[in-house]
Amino acid sequence: MSHKLIQDALFNAKSVRELDRLAIEDEGIAGIVLMKRAGRAVLQELLELYGAPSLLSVFCGGGNNGGDGYILAALAAEKHIPVQVFELSEELSGDAAIARQYAEQAKVMCTAFDSSLDIVEGVIVDSLLGTGYSGQLRPAYAEAIQIINDSGLPVVAVDIPSGLQADNGAVAELSVQADITITFIGAKPGLFSGRGPSVCGEVMYHSLDVPEAIFDQVAPDAELLDLAELLDYFPQLDVDAHKTQRGHTMVVGGDRGFGGAAIMAAETSARLGSGMTSLATRPEHIDAMLVRQPEVMACGVVSGQDLEPLLERPNVLVVGPGLGRSSWSEQLLQKAVAAQLPMVLDADGLNILAEGRVVPNPDGRQWVLTPHCGEAARLLNVTVAEIEADRFAAVRQLQKKYAAVVLLKGPGTLIAGPEEIIKVCPYGNPAMATAGMGDILSGVIGALIAQGFDLQTAAELGCCLHSSAADMAAEELGSRGLVATDILPYLHRLLNQEYL
């Protein structure tokens, strides 16, 4: 999914309603005027992308989202574009009723929705539900959405694909699968996380010429990250810099059968600029590490007692890649926690934590947790379905419970720290759903912390670097068959601010 926004602030449905109210009551912009601007914005984008379609089929619900559709239909008819409206509500009021009158005046054919409908040409516009939707779909709406998705035609969603929840990106049953989504006034968090990236297509933003002053009165609920801005935090390298000034990352992990995960994390740390990188792992993995990346100082440890003296060297730990859940794994994690160093905790490190086998000391804790949905569910003792139903709520709960910076992986990765606003990563693609990607991410974040980044910035920049590198790799190499280590060369390019 790509996005074209002029602002990175994201507003949930309640906040958008408040922005609408301020525009109407404080700025004196009539609701029907905003509706007309929305209709014009959709038509403009539609024509730029597809040209004048042979037929425009607009599905209209009963609320203001449906009103936007009626306005769009009227404007299309005025341009002599063949247009038909399928109505799913007989009762309209307020601005939506006025909008329907505009469509009637423009001689638009408006007919009641019929489940036997078959659309075989042109472009379809989804103007059914908008941001007010939550819960279960009424049968007629579910049938309409299924017809839209089965058409095989280009689909434009007005404000948000119907069936997608604006606040969290969840889909209870099904949603419209849009090719483009044109969102208004405030971009919604659900467009960029959860199921949003899968169903929105390209997201385009239009302010509808609402004065910027109103945005100062409503705090955003989330914020999109920007890689170029985050890269500006990198300091210039002094000509007399030496390796100890760039930190020392230690990766702890790699139980029997899982050596590759720890090796990948360590190699990534070295390549992302950590002045020194070491690996504490099972002795049988040492040779593989040295062959793969001889710059990594690989140490074989058979117990937590072996690890303890090594923990005096690093200034950040990456614990969890390939760690396993054996007694060896638990001993290493206990020693790592006791060292009270900044720590990136991933994979089985999170699972051991969730099982209560390691009790962290909350005083002065400096952790970055990087769970996927399954690990997050175990950490919160809930089901994966509950995590996916509201990823934003889940990441907040994790941050509060563990007093850590939490990076909840998945489509539209979320990052929550002590500050209120959740950060959303707008990069990434389905090719990343493969083993080892999380180990690479842990190595990236650890290397950034080693170089002096605070935990929040390291998590934000690390996530964006990782996902953007995967986007570049998928574009050049293809999405199928991409493996985690394929992204390492692209990480190096981005780190040196190439291709931005």
Protein backbone atom coordinates (compact mmCIF):
# COMPACT_ATOMS: atom_id res chain seq x y z
CA MET A 1 0.00 0.00 0.00
CA SER A 2 1.19 3.50 -0.75
CA HIS A 3 -0.08 6.74 0.65
CA LYS A 4 -0.16 10.34 -0.51
CA LEU A 5 -0.71 12.57 2.50
CA ILE A 6 0.19 16.17 3.21
CA GLN A 7 0.10 15.52 6.94
CA ASP A 8 1.07 12.53 9.05
CA ALA A 9 -1.40 13.02 11.91
CA LEU A 10 -4.07 10.33 12.21
CA PHE A 11 -7.47 10.89 13.84
CA ASN A 12 -9.99 8.32 15.02
CA ALA A 13 -13.67 8.57 14.17
CA LYS A 14 -14.55 10.58 17.28
CA SER A 15 -11.76 13.06 16.60
CA VAL A 16 -12.79 13.43 12.96
CA ARG A 17 -16.35 14.19 14.04
CA GLU A 18 -14.94 16.91 16.27
CA LEU A 19 -12.91 18.30 13.35
CA ASP A 20 -16.08 18.30 11.26
CA ARG A 21 -17.95 20.12 14.02
CA LEU A 22 -15.26 22.78 14.33
CA ALA A 23 -15.22 23.31 10.58
CA ILE A 24 -19.00 23.71 10.48
CA GLU A 25 -19.67 25.63 13.70
CA ASP A 26 -16.49 27.63 14.26
CA GLU A 27 -15.40 28.20 10.68
CA GLY A 28 -18.87 28.54 9.19
CA ILE A 29 -18.42 25.90 6.48
CA ALA A 30 -21.79 24.29 5.83
CA GLY A 31 -21.92 20.50 5.96
CA ILE A 32 -23.25 20.28 2.42
CA VAL A 33 -20.30 22.39 1.26
CA LEU A 34 -17.89 19.88 2.79
CA MET A 35 -19.86 17.11 1.12
CA LYS A 36 -19.57 18.80 -2.27
CA ARG A 37 -15.85 19.25 -1.80
CA ALA A 38 -15.56 15.55 -0.96
CA GLY A 39 -17.47 14.56 -4.08
CA ARG A 40 -15.27 16.78 -6.26
CA ALA A 41 -12.12 15.35 -4.68
CA VAL A 42 -13.19 11.78 -5.39
CA LEU A 43 -14.14 12.54 -8.97
CA GLN A 44 -10.86 14.36 -9.58
CA GLU A 45 -8.78 11.43 -8.32
CA LEU A 46 -10.92 8.91 -10.15
CA LEU A 47 -10.58 10.70 -13.49
CA GLU A 48 -6.83 11.17 -13.06
CA LEU A 49 -6.36 7.49 -12.41
CA TYR A 50 -8.87 5.85 -14.75
CA GLY A 51 -10.00 8.54 -17.19
CA ALA A 52 -13.71 8.90 -17.92
CA PRO A 53 -15.17 5.43 -17.26
CA SER A 54 -17.70 3.81 -19.55
CA LEU A 55 -19.94 3.44 -16.49
CA LEU A 56 -19.72 4.69 -12.92
CA SER A 57 -21.59 2.58 -10.36
CA VAL A 58 -21.97 4.23 -6.96
CA PHE A 59 -23.16 2.30 -3.90
CA CYS A 60 -24.72 4.70 -1.38
CA GLY A 61 -25.64 4.09 2.23
CA GLY A 62 -27.86 6.23 4.39
CA GLY A 63 -25.38 8.49 6.16
CA ASN A 64 -23.03 11.27 5.15
CA ASN A 65 -20.75 8.78 3.41
CA GLY A 66 -23.67 7.99 1.16
CA GLY A 67 -24.20 11.72 0.70
CA ASP A 68 -20.66 12.02 -0.66
CA GLY A 69 -21.58 9.33 -3.18
CA TYR A 70 -24.70 11.14 -4.33
CA ILE A 71 -22.70 14.33 -4.89
CA LEU A 72 -20.08 12.38 -6.83
CA ALA A 73 -22.79 10.85 -9.00
CA ALA A 74 -24.29 14.28 -9.74
CA LEU A 75 -20.91 15.74 -10.69
CA ALA A 76 -20.15 12.77 -12.94
CA ALA A 77 -23.50 13.13 -14.69
CA GLU A 78 -22.78 16.80 -15.29
CA LYS A 79 -19.63 15.69 -17.13
CA HIS A 80 -21.75 13.30 -19.22
CA ILE A 81 -20.27 10.20 -17.60
CA PRO A 82 -22.82 7.36 -17.52
CA VAL A 83 -23.61 6.85 -13.85
CA GLN A 84 -25.93 4.72 -11.77
CA VAL A 85 -26.55 4.78 -8.01
CA PHE A 86 -27.55 1.75 -5.95
CA GLU A 87 -29.25 2.73 -2.71
CA LEU A 88 -29.18 0.73 0.49
CA SER A 89 -31.24 3.12 2.59
CA GLU A 90 -34.69 4.52 1.99
CA GLU A 91 -34.46 7.04 4.81
CA LEU A 92 -32.10 9.97 4.33
CA SER A 93 -31.90 13.11 6.39
CA GLY A 94 -29.87 16.26 6.69
CA ASP A 95 -27.06 16.83 4.21
CA ALA A 96 -27.38 13.30 2.78
CA ALA A 97 -30.98 14.03 1.74
CA ILE A 98 -29.89 17.33 0.13
CA ALA A 99 -27.12 15.47 -1.71
CA ARG A 100 -29.61 12.98 -3.12
CA GLN A 101 -31.68 15.88 -4.45
CA TYR A 102 -28.61 17.10 -6.32
CA ALA A 103 -28.29 13.68 -7.89
CA GLU A 104 -31.95 13.69 -8.92
CA GLN A 105 -31.58 17.18 -10.44
CA ALA A 106 -28.62 15.88 -12.47
CA LYS A 107 -30.86 13.08 -13.82
CA VAL A 108 -28.88 10.33 -12.08
CA MET A 109 -30.64 6.98 -12.11
CA CYS A 110 -31.05 5.91 -8.46
CA THR A 111 -32.37 2.41 -7.82
CA ALA A 112 -32.77 0.25 -4.75
CA PHE A 113 -29.99 -2.29 -4.28
CA ASP A 114 -30.79 -5.78 -5.54
CA SER A 115 -28.66 -8.76 -4.52
CA SER A 116 -28.92 -10.16 -8.06
CA LEU A 117 -27.03 -7.14 -9.39
CA ASP A 118 -24.27 -7.87 -11.91
CA ILE A 119 -21.89 -5.03 -12.90
CA VAL A 120 -19.61 -5.89 -15.80
CA GLU A 121 -17.94 -2.62 -16.81
CA GLY A 122 -16.60 0.69 -15.62
CA VAL A 123 -15.56 1.77 -12.12
CA ILE A 124 -17.31 1.09 -8.81
CA VAL A 125 -17.47 3.61 -5.97
CA ASP A 126 -18.00 2.44 -2.39
CA SER A 127 -19.94 5.09 -0.47
CA LEU A 128 -21.79 2.76 1.88
CA LEU A 129 -20.73 3.09 5.50
CA GLY A 130 -17.89 5.49 6.26
CA THR A 131 -16.25 5.97 9.65
CA GLY A 132 -19.36 5.36 11.74
CA TYR A 133 -19.31 1.62 11.12
CA SER A 134 -18.51 -0.87 13.85
CA GLY A 135 -19.76 -4.32 14.73
CA GLN A 136 -21.76 -6.55 12.41
CA LEU A 137 -22.88 -5.73 8.88
CA ARG A 138 -26.54 -5.72 8.01
CA PRO A 139 -27.30 -8.46 5.44
CA ALA A 140 -27.93 -6.08 2.54
CA TYR A 141 -24.65 -4.27 3.14
CA ALA A 142 -22.75 -7.55 3.32
CA GLU A 143 -24.31 -8.62 0.02
CA ALA A 144 -23.41 -5.30 -1.60
CA ILE A 145 -19.81 -5.53 -0.44
CA GLN A 146 -19.53 -9.07 -1.77
CA ILE A 147 -20.86 -7.96 -5.16
CA ILE A 148 -18.35 -5.11 -5.27
CA ASN A 149 -15.46 -7.44 -4.43
CA ASP A 150 -16.57 -10.12 -6.91
CA SER A 151 -16.91 -7.67 -9.80
CA GLY A 152 -13.26 -7.66 -10.75
CA LEU A 153 -13.61 -3.95 -11.60
CA PRO A 154 -11.61 -0.99 -10.22
CA VAL A 155 -13.01 0.09 -6.86
CA VAL A 156 -12.73 3.54 -5.27
CA ALA A 157 -13.57 3.81 -1.56
CA VAL A 158 -14.92 7.11 -0.25
CA ASP A 159 -13.18 8.07 3.03
CA ILE A 160 -12.70 4.44 4.15
CA PRO A 161 -13.55 1.02 2.68
CA SER A 162 -16.91 -0.11 4.00
CA GLY A 163 -16.53 -2.80 6.64
CA LEU A 164 -13.15 -1.55 7.84
CA GLN A 165 -13.15 -0.01 11.30
CA ALA A 166 -11.65 3.47 11.19
CA ASP A 167 -10.07 3.45 14.65
CA ASN A 168 -8.13 0.19 14.53
CA GLY A 169 -8.13 -1.38 11.07
CA ALA A 170 -10.15 -4.42 12.11
CA VAL A 171 -12.69 -6.19 9.89
CA ALA A 172 -15.46 -8.05 11.71
CA GLU A 173 -16.84 -9.93 8.70
CA LEU A 174 -15.76 -8.60 5.33
CA SER A 175 -14.90 -5.26 3.81
CA VAL A 176 -14.67 -3.64 0.42
CA GLN A 177 -11.36 -4.38 -1.32
CA ALA A 178 -10.51 -0.98 -2.76
CA ASP A 179 -7.91 -0.03 -5.33
CA ILE A 180 -7.79 3.53 -4.05
CA THR A 181 -9.19 5.13 -0.90
CA ILE A 182 -9.72 8.88 -0.73
CA THR A 183 -9.93 10.02 2.87
CA PHE A 184 -11.02 13.44 4.09
CA ILE A 185 -10.13 16.07 6.72
CA GLY A 186 -8.36 13.61 9.04
CA ALA A 187 -6.67 10.43 7.89
CA LYS A 188 -7.82 7.47 9.98
CA PRO A 189 -5.55 5.06 11.89
CA GLY A 190 -7.41 2.04 10.55
CA LEU A 191 -6.28 2.81 7.01
CA PHE A 192 -2.67 2.04 7.92
CA SER A 193 -2.70 -0.91 10.32
CA GLY A 194 -4.40 -4.27 10.78
CA ARG A 195 -6.45 -5.14 7.70
CA GLY A 196 -6.28 -1.56 6.43
CA PRO A 197 -3.17 -1.94 4.25
CA SER A 198 -4.74 -5.02 2.61
CA VAL A 199 -8.07 -3.45 1.71
CA CYS A 200 -7.38 0.26 1.11
CA GLY A 201 -5.13 0.15 -1.95
CA GLU A 202 -3.48 3.53 -2.43
CA VAL A 203 -4.56 6.04 0.21
CA MET A 204 -5.03 9.66 -0.84
CA TYR A 205 -5.77 12.50 1.51
CA HIS A 206 -7.83 15.63 0.92
CA SER A 207 -8.23 18.32 3.59
CA LEU A 208 -11.37 19.67 1.85
CA ASP A 209 -9.80 23.11 2.36
CA VAL A 210 -10.56 23.04 6.06
CA PRO A 211 -8.48 25.75 7.80
CA GLU A 212 -5.34 24.43 9.44
CA ALA A 213 -6.28 26.20 12.66
CA ILE A 214 -8.86 23.58 13.55
CA PHE A 215 -6.20 20.87 13.69
CA ASP A 216 -4.55 22.74 16.54
CA GLN A 217 -7.68 22.16 18.61
CA VAL A 218 -7.86 18.37 18.30
CA ALA A 219 -4.95 16.14 19.33
CA PRO A 220 -4.14 13.36 16.85
CA ASP A 221 -4.64 9.78 18.02
CA ALA A 222 -1.69 8.36 16.10
CA GLU A 223 1.02 9.49 13.74
CA LEU A 224 2.59 8.10 10.59
CA LEU A 225 6.35 7.79 10.70
CA ASP A 226 8.59 9.22 7.99
CA LEU A 227 11.93 7.56 7.27
CA ALA A 228 13.59 10.62 5.76
CA GLU A 229 12.81 12.67 8.86
CA LEU A 230 14.04 9.95 11.20
CA LEU A 231 17.33 9.58 9.30
CA ASP A 232 18.07 13.21 10.13
CA TYR A 233 18.70 12.08 13.72
CA PHE A 234 21.88 10.33 12.61
CA PRO A 235 24.90 12.37 13.71
CA GLN A 236 27.73 13.07 11.33
CA LEU A 237 30.72 10.79 11.85
CA ASP A 238 33.69 12.69 13.23
CA VAL A 239 36.93 12.15 11.36
CA ASP A 240 38.56 10.97 14.60
CA ALA A 241 35.71 8.67 15.64
CA HIS A 242 36.63 5.26 16.99
CA LYS A 243 34.65 2.07 17.44
CA THR A 244 34.00 2.44 21.16
CA GLN A 245 32.11 5.67 20.49
CA ARG A 246 29.66 3.73 18.32
CA GLY A 247 28.71 1.28 21.02
CA HIS A 248 28.77 -2.46 21.58
CA THR A 249 25.76 -4.68 20.88
CA MET A 250 25.59 -8.19 22.29
CA VAL A 251 23.12 -10.70 20.86
CA VAL A 252 22.11 -13.45 23.27
CA GLY A 253 20.41 -16.48 21.76
CA GLY A 254 20.79 -19.42 19.45
CA ASP A 255 19.83 -22.56 21.33
CA ARG A 256 20.32 -25.92 19.65
CA GLY A 257 18.60 -25.93 16.27
CA PHE A 258 18.05 -22.17 16.30
CA GLY A 259 21.52 -20.79 15.66
CA GLY A 260 20.57 -18.99 12.44
CA ALA A 261 18.29 -16.50 14.18
CA ALA A 262 20.99 -15.27 16.54
CA ILE A 263 23.56 -15.19 13.74
CA MET A 264 21.28 -13.05 11.56
CA ALA A 265 20.64 -10.61 14.40
CA ALA A 266 24.37 -10.28 15.10
CA GLU A 267 25.30 -9.82 11.44
CA THR A 268 22.63 -7.14 11.10
CA SER A 269 23.92 -5.28 14.13
CA ALA A 270 27.42 -5.21 12.69
CA ARG A 271 26.18 -3.99 9.32
CA LEU A 272 23.96 -1.30 10.86
CA GLY A 273 26.90 0.52 12.37
CA SER A 274 27.34 -0.83 15.88
CA GLY A 275 31.00 -0.16 16.70
CA MET A 276 31.35 -3.69 18.04
CA THR A 277 29.01 -6.66 17.97
CA SER A 278 29.32 -9.84 19.97
CA LEU A 279 27.25 -13.01 20.11
CA ALA A 280 26.66 -15.25 23.11
CA THR A 281 25.35 -18.57 21.86
CA ARG A 282 25.70 -22.31 22.01
CA PRO A 283 29.34 -23.31 21.31
CA GLU A 284 28.33 -25.33 18.24
CA HIS A 285 27.22 -22.15 16.46
CA ILE A 286 30.52 -20.29 16.77
CA ASP A 287 32.06 -21.58 13.55
CA ALA A 288 28.97 -20.67 11.52
CA MET A 289 29.02 -17.14 12.91
CA LEU A 290 32.69 -16.61 12.12
CA VAL A 291 32.27 -17.90 8.58
CA ARG A 292 29.22 -15.72 8.05
CA GLN A 293 30.57 -12.53 9.66
CA PRO A 294 34.09 -12.71 11.14
CA GLU A 295 33.78 -9.17 12.53
CA VAL A 296 31.36 -10.49 15.16
CA MET A 297 32.99 -11.57 18.42
CA ALA A 298 31.35 -14.95 18.93
CA CYS A 299 31.42 -16.53 22.39
CA GLY A 300 30.22 -20.00 23.31
CA VAL A 301 28.26 -20.19 26.57
CA VAL A 302 26.86 -23.31 28.17
CA SER A 303 25.15 -21.64 31.12
CA GLY A 304 24.10 -18.35 32.61
CA GLN A 305 27.25 -18.44 34.70
CA ASP A 306 29.33 -18.38 31.49
CA LEU A 307 27.37 -15.40 30.22
CA GLU A 308 27.64 -13.25 33.34
CA PRO A 309 31.22 -11.95 32.91
CA LEU A 310 30.57 -11.20 29.23
CA LEU A 311 27.79 -8.78 30.16
CA GLU A 312 30.32 -6.23 31.40
CA ARG A 313 31.32 -5.41 27.81
CA PRO A 314 28.21 -4.34 25.85
CA ASN A 315 26.06 -1.25 26.27
CA VAL A 316 22.95 -2.88 24.79
CA LEU A 317 21.62 -6.43 24.62
CA VAL A 318 19.48 -8.11 21.97
CA VAL A 319 17.93 -11.13 23.67
CA GLY A 320 15.62 -13.66 22.13
CA PRO A 321 16.56 -14.55 18.54
CA GLY A 322 16.73 -18.35 18.54
CA LEU A 323 16.83 -18.35 22.35
CA GLY A 324 14.49 -21.30 22.77
CA ARG A 325 12.67 -22.17 25.99
CA SER A 326 15.07 -24.60 27.62
CA SER A 327 16.67 -24.21 31.03
CA TRP A 328 19.72 -22.81 29.18
CA SER A 329 17.47 -20.18 27.59
CA GLU A 330 15.95 -19.18 30.91
CA GLN A 331 19.33 -18.88 32.62
CA LEU A 332 20.64 -16.57 29.89
CA LEU A 333 17.57 -14.36 30.01
CA GLN A 334 17.74 -14.12 33.81
CA LYS A 335 21.36 -13.01 33.67
CA ALA A 336 20.56 -10.52 30.88
CA VAL A 337 17.72 -8.99 32.88
CA ALA A 338 19.91 -8.75 35.98
CA ALA A 339 22.55 -6.80 34.03
CA GLN A 340 20.07 -3.87 33.81
CA LEU A 341 21.34 -2.82 30.39
CA PRO A 342 19.14 -1.40 27.64
CA MET A 343 17.65 -4.46 25.99
CA VAL A 344 15.74 -5.44 22.87
CA LEU A 345 13.60 -8.43 23.80
CA ASP A 346 12.21 -10.59 21.01
CA ALA A 347 10.95 -14.06 20.09
CA ASP A 348 11.38 -16.67 22.85
CA GLY A 349 12.66 -13.99 25.20
CA LEU A 350 9.11 -12.65 25.08
CA ASN A 351 7.61 -16.10 25.49
CA ILE A 352 9.69 -16.84 28.59
CA LEU A 353 8.64 -13.46 29.97
CA ALA A 354 4.98 -14.24 29.25
CA GLU A 355 5.27 -17.57 31.08
CA GLY A 356 6.42 -15.75 34.21
CA ARG A 357 9.73 -17.61 34.31
CA VAL A 358 11.59 -14.29 34.47
CA VAL A 359 10.36 -11.48 36.67
CA PRO A 360 11.62 -8.10 35.50
CA ASN A 361 12.50 -5.29 37.84
CA PRO A 362 10.39 -2.29 36.76
CA ASP A 363 12.75 0.29 38.28
CA GLY A 364 14.74 2.02 35.58
CA ARG A 365 13.88 -0.60 33.01
CA GLN A 366 15.06 0.20 29.49
CA TRP A 367 13.47 -2.33 27.20
CA VAL A 368 12.17 -2.49 23.66
CA LEU A 369 9.71 -5.36 23.20
CA THR A 370 9.07 -6.49 19.61
CA PRO A 371 6.17 -8.99 19.65
CA HIS A 372 4.10 -10.22 16.75
CA CYS A 373 0.39 -10.84 17.42
CA GLY A 374 0.92 -14.34 18.81
CA GLU A 375 3.59 -13.19 21.26
CA ALA A 376 1.50 -10.15 22.19
CA ALA A 377 -1.44 -12.43 22.97
CA ARG A 378 0.73 -14.50 25.31
CA LEU A 379 2.13 -11.39 27.00
CA LEU A 380 -1.39 -10.12 27.69
CA ASN A 381 -2.92 -13.57 28.29
CA VAL A 382 -5.58 -13.06 25.62
CA THR A 383 -6.31 -14.63 22.24
CA VAL A 384 -4.71 -13.64 18.96
CA ALA A 385 -8.18 -12.69 17.73
CA GLU A 386 -8.49 -10.18 20.57
CA ILE A 387 -5.15 -8.62 19.62
CA GLU A 388 -6.14 -8.35 15.96
CA ALA A 389 -9.54 -6.90 16.87
CA ASP A 390 -7.80 -3.74 18.15
CA ARG A 391 -4.04 -3.59 17.64
CA PHE A 392 -3.94 -0.01 18.93
CA ALA A 393 -5.50 -0.97 22.25
CA ALA A 394 -3.19 -3.98 22.49
CA VAL A 395 0.02 -2.01 22.02
CA ARG A 396 -1.13 0.51 24.64
CA GLN A 397 -1.84 -2.29 27.12
CA LEU A 398 1.56 -3.87 26.50
CA GLN A 399 3.35 -0.58 27.00
CA LYS A 400 1.50 0.05 30.25
CA LYS A 401 2.01 -3.48 31.59
CA TYR A 402 5.72 -3.72 30.86
CA ALA A 403 6.78 -0.06 31.06
CA ALA A 404 8.73 -0.55 27.84
CA VAL A 405 8.78 0.77 24.31
CA VAL A 406 6.61 -1.75 22.48
CA LEU A 407 6.77 -2.45 18.77
CA LEU A 408 3.77 -4.57 17.71
CA LYS A 409 4.76 -6.15 14.41
CA GLY A 410 2.43 -6.82 11.50
CA PRO A 411 0.83 -4.83 8.69
CA GLY A 412 1.18 -1.23 9.82
CA THR A 413 3.57 -1.94 12.69
CA LEU A 414 2.66 0.08 15.80
CA ILE A 415 5.10 1.61 18.28
CA ALA A 416 4.03 2.78 21.73
CA GLY A 417 6.25 4.46 24.28
CA PRO A 418 5.63 6.65 27.32
CA GLU A 419 4.14 9.40 25.16
CA GLU A 420 0.44 9.23 24.30
CA ILE A 421 0.59 9.16 20.52
CA ILE A 422 1.08 5.76 18.90
CA LYS A 423 3.41 5.76 15.91
CA VAL A 424 2.49 3.83 12.76
CA CYS A 425 4.98 2.50 10.23
CA PRO A 426 3.59 3.04 6.71
CA TYR A 427 6.21 0.85 5.01
CA GLY A 428 6.37 -2.91 4.48
CA ASN A 429 4.87 -5.60 2.27
CA PRO A 430 3.63 -9.23 2.35
CA ALA A 431 7.05 -10.56 1.30
CA MET A 432 8.17 -9.87 4.87
CA ALA A 433 6.04 -12.76 6.15
CA THR A 434 8.98 -15.13 6.27
CA ALA A 435 11.28 -16.58 8.91
CA GLY A 436 14.09 -14.39 10.17
CA MET A 437 12.62 -10.97 9.43
CA GLY A 438 12.07 -10.32 13.13
CA ASP A 439 15.65 -11.33 13.94
CA ILE A 440 16.93 -8.79 11.40
CA LEU A 441 14.71 -6.11 12.98
CA SER A 442 16.04 -6.85 16.46
CA GLY A 443 19.59 -6.48 15.20
CA VAL A 444 18.75 -3.16 13.56
CA ILE A 445 17.20 -1.70 16.72
CA GLY A 446 20.01 -2.97 18.92
CA ALA A 447 22.64 -1.38 16.68
CA LEU A 448 20.85 1.96 16.78
CA ILE A 449 20.64 1.93 20.58
CA ALA A 450 24.34 1.07 20.73
CA GLN A 451 25.09 4.18 18.68
CA GLY A 452 23.31 6.44 21.14
CA PHE A 453 19.70 6.60 19.97
CA ASP A 454 17.08 6.65 22.71
CA LEU A 455 14.86 3.58 22.77
CA GLN A 456 11.81 5.25 21.22
CA THR A 457 13.73 6.73 18.30
CA ALA A 458 15.67 3.51 17.78
CA ALA A 459 12.42 1.55 17.56
CA GLU A 460 10.85 4.05 15.16
CA LEU A 461 13.88 4.42 12.89
CA GLY A 462 14.72 0.73 13.06
CA CYS A 463 11.22 -0.29 12.04
CA CYS A 464 11.13 2.16 9.13
CA LEU A 465 14.59 1.17 7.90
CA HIS A 466 13.70 -2.51 8.08
CA SER A 467 10.35 -2.19 6.30
CA SER A 468 11.63 0.24 3.66
CA ALA A 469 14.54 -2.07 2.88
CA ALA A 470 12.05 -4.91 2.45
CA ASP A 471 10.01 -2.74 0.08
CA MET A 472 13.11 -2.05 -2.01
CA ALA A 473 14.10 -5.71 -2.03
CA ALA A 474 10.62 -6.84 -3.07
CA GLU A 475 10.52 -4.28 -5.86
CA GLU A 476 13.89 -5.33 -7.28
CA LEU A 477 13.89 -9.06 -6.51
CA GLY A 478 10.19 -9.90 -6.46
CA SER A 479 7.91 -10.69 -3.55
CA ARG A 480 7.98 -14.47 -3.83
CA GLY A 481 10.98 -16.28 -2.42
CA LEU A 482 12.40 -13.24 -0.62
CA VAL A 483 14.35 -14.27 2.49
CA ALA A 484 15.27 -12.14 5.47
CA THR A 485 18.95 -11.69 4.65
CA ASP A 486 18.04 -10.41 1.17
CA ILE A 487 17.23 -7.05 2.74
CA LEU A 488 20.69 -6.47 4.26
CA PRO A 489 22.16 -4.70 1.19
CA TYR A 490 19.15 -2.42 1.04
CA LEU A 491 19.48 -1.59 4.72
CA HIS A 492 23.03 -0.50 4.01
CA ARG A 493 21.89 1.76 1.17
CA LEU A 494 19.17 3.35 3.26
CA LEU A 495 21.53 3.81 6.17
CA ASN A 496 23.71 5.87 3.86
CA GLN A 497 20.59 7.71 2.67
CA GLU A 498 20.64 6.36 -0.84
CA TYR A 499 17.39 6.02 -2.85
CA LEU A 500 15.40 8.38 -0.62
